[in-house]
Amino acid sequence: MLLFRLLLLTAAVCAAQDKASILALDKQWSDAIVKSDTATLEKLLADDLVYAHATGIVDTKKSYIAKIKERRQVYKSFEQHNPQVNVYKDSAVTFSHVRVTGTNQAGAFDDKIMLIHFWVKQNNAWRLAGHQTTKIDKLP
């Protein structure tokens, strides 16, 4: 019985550590997009990334990083509200409400969005494999 309790406690501690790690990685990602830090994005993004913007445009890792490098996608600010994370073994989903400003090929934007990220553990490191945003009317 003691061994079973110890295993449960260990699992709970690992899950809490994974949640904290994922939230920290989400913060690294948002800092990297505002700073146009493509080196950090190269490390964080999975090679098979699907990056779906609220505009309906879908990017790959290569096309998204190229937009950042070429200044075709520039983020001026990123304000994340109440981020949540659920961990499922070697994957995790984060969701939050965000106000994001910047410029892209369509011009300046100041959007309120619901952000969902899908993280996967690959070779013992978490990578962002899916990004989806949807425009919302107001932030909670």
Protein backbone atom coordinates (compact mmCIF):
# COMPACT_ATOMS: atom_id res chain seq x y z
CA MET A 1 0.00 0.00 0.00
CA LEU A 2 2.84 2.37 0.84
CA LEU A 3 4.49 1.68 -2.51
CA PHE A 4 1.21 2.45 -4.31
CA ARG A 5 0.89 5.78 -2.47
CA LEU A 6 4.49 6.62 -3.27
CA LEU A 7 3.88 5.89 -6.96
CA LEU A 8 0.79 8.12 -6.96
CA LEU A 9 2.70 10.91 -5.26
CA THR A 10 5.56 10.58 -7.75
CA ALA A 11 3.12 10.72 -10.67
CA ALA A 12 1.46 13.83 -9.23
CA VAL A 13 4.81 15.57 -8.75
CA CYS A 14 5.89 14.71 -12.31
CA ALA A 15 2.59 16.02 -13.71
CA ALA A 16 3.00 19.29 -11.78
CA GLN A 17 6.57 19.63 -13.05
CA ASP A 18 5.43 18.99 -16.63
CA LYS A 19 2.69 21.63 -16.29
CA ALA A 20 5.20 24.17 -15.01
CA SER A 21 7.62 23.25 -17.81
CA ILE A 22 4.95 23.65 -20.49
CA LEU A 23 3.83 27.03 -19.14
CA ALA A 24 7.47 28.16 -19.12
CA LEU A 25 7.90 26.97 -22.72
CA ASP A 26 4.74 28.81 -23.78
CA LYS A 27 6.26 31.95 -22.23
CA GLN A 28 9.55 31.33 -24.08
CA TRP A 29 7.56 31.02 -27.31
CA SER A 30 5.67 34.30 -26.74
CA ASP A 31 8.88 36.12 -25.79
CA ALA A 32 10.56 34.73 -28.92
CA ILE A 33 7.81 35.92 -31.28
CA VAL A 34 7.85 39.45 -29.83
CA LYS A 35 11.67 39.59 -30.09
CA SER A 36 11.69 37.91 -33.54
CA ASP A 37 14.06 35.36 -31.98
CA THR A 38 14.11 32.72 -34.69
CA ALA A 39 16.91 30.73 -33.00
CA THR A 40 14.65 30.07 -30.02
CA LEU A 41 11.72 29.28 -32.32
CA GLU A 42 13.89 26.75 -34.19
CA LYS A 43 14.43 24.92 -30.89
CA LEU A 44 10.83 25.13 -29.63
CA LEU A 45 8.92 24.23 -32.79
CA ALA A 46 8.47 20.63 -33.93
CA ASP A 47 9.63 19.91 -37.47
CA ASP A 48 6.09 18.82 -38.40
CA LEU A 49 4.44 21.90 -36.86
CA VAL A 50 0.98 22.95 -38.05
CA TYR A 51 0.59 26.68 -37.33
CA ALA A 52 -2.99 27.86 -38.01
CA HIS A 53 -3.55 31.61 -37.69
CA ALA A 54 -6.91 33.24 -36.84
CA THR A 55 -6.87 34.66 -40.38
CA GLY A 56 -7.17 31.17 -41.86
CA ILE A 57 -3.56 31.06 -43.05
CA VAL A 58 -1.73 27.84 -42.16
CA ASP A 59 2.06 27.72 -41.87
CA THR A 60 4.69 25.04 -41.45
CA LYS A 61 7.72 25.50 -39.22
CA LYS A 62 9.78 26.56 -42.22
CA SER A 63 7.24 29.04 -43.61
CA TYR A 64 6.45 30.56 -40.19
CA ILE A 65 10.10 31.11 -39.29
CA ALA A 66 10.72 32.61 -42.74
CA LYS A 67 7.91 35.13 -42.12
CA ILE A 68 9.50 36.14 -38.82
CA LYS A 69 13.02 36.41 -40.32
CA GLU A 70 11.81 38.42 -43.31
CA ARG A 71 9.70 40.70 -41.06
CA ARG A 72 6.49 39.72 -42.88
CA GLN A 73 5.07 38.78 -39.44
CA VAL A 74 6.05 41.16 -36.64
CA TYR A 75 4.63 41.00 -33.13
CA LYS A 76 4.74 44.19 -31.06
CA SER A 77 2.99 42.90 -27.94
CA PHE A 78 1.58 39.67 -26.57
CA GLU A 79 -0.57 39.76 -23.41
CA GLN A 80 -1.60 36.30 -22.27
CA HIS A 81 -4.46 35.91 -19.78
CA ASN A 82 -5.03 32.94 -17.47
CA PRO A 83 -3.05 30.25 -19.31
CA GLN A 84 -4.15 26.69 -18.56
CA VAL A 85 -2.37 23.42 -19.32
CA ASN A 86 -3.42 19.78 -19.41
CA VAL A 87 -0.70 17.12 -19.66
CA TYR A 88 -1.37 13.70 -21.20
CA LYS A 89 1.78 11.56 -20.85
CA ASP A 90 3.97 12.75 -23.75
CA SER A 91 1.65 15.50 -24.96
CA ALA A 92 0.10 18.63 -23.51
CA VAL A 93 -2.49 21.20 -24.50
CA THR A 94 -2.40 24.83 -23.41
CA PHE A 95 -5.14 27.36 -23.86
CA SER A 96 -5.46 31.02 -22.99
CA HIS A 97 -6.96 34.31 -24.04
CA VAL A 98 -4.54 36.77 -25.63
CA ARG A 99 -4.35 40.31 -26.89
CA VAL A 100 -1.70 40.48 -29.60
CA THR A 101 -0.57 43.43 -31.72
CA GLY A 102 1.76 43.69 -34.67
CA THR A 103 1.94 43.82 -38.44
CA ASN A 104 1.73 41.29 -41.23
CA GLN A 105 1.21 41.36 -44.99
CA ALA A 106 -2.38 42.55 -44.49
CA GLY A 107 -1.23 45.49 -42.32
CA ALA A 108 -1.41 46.31 -38.62
CA PHE A 109 -3.40 44.09 -36.29
CA ASP A 110 -4.68 44.38 -32.72
CA ASP A 111 -6.45 41.10 -32.04
CA LYS A 112 -8.16 39.40 -29.14
CA ILE A 113 -7.80 35.64 -29.58
CA MET A 114 -8.25 32.26 -27.97
CA LEU A 115 -4.92 30.45 -28.28
CA ILE A 116 -4.49 26.68 -28.22
CA HIS A 117 -1.06 25.03 -28.31
CA PHE A 118 -0.36 21.32 -28.66
CA TRP A 119 3.00 20.25 -27.22
CA VAL A 120 4.62 16.83 -27.71
CA LYS A 121 7.62 15.28 -26.03
CA GLN A 122 10.18 14.30 -28.69
CA ASN A 123 13.59 12.91 -27.77
CA ASN A 124 13.04 13.92 -24.15
CA ALA A 125 12.24 17.56 -25.00
CA TRP A 126 8.91 19.33 -25.37
CA ARG A 127 8.20 20.76 -28.85
CA LEU A 128 5.30 22.87 -30.10
CA ALA A 129 3.54 20.72 -32.73
CA GLY A 130 0.26 22.59 -33.12
CA HIS A 131 -0.84 26.22 -32.89
CA GLN A 132 -4.43 27.39 -33.42
CA THR A 133 -5.92 30.81 -32.79
CA THR A 134 -9.49 32.02 -33.08
CA LYS A 135 -10.59 35.65 -32.87
CA ILE A 136 -12.88 36.47 -29.94
CA ASP A 137 -14.99 39.55 -29.19
CA LYS A 138 -13.53 40.35 -25.79
CA LEU A 139 -11.07 39.10 -23.24
CA PRO A 140 -12.54 37.58 -20.05
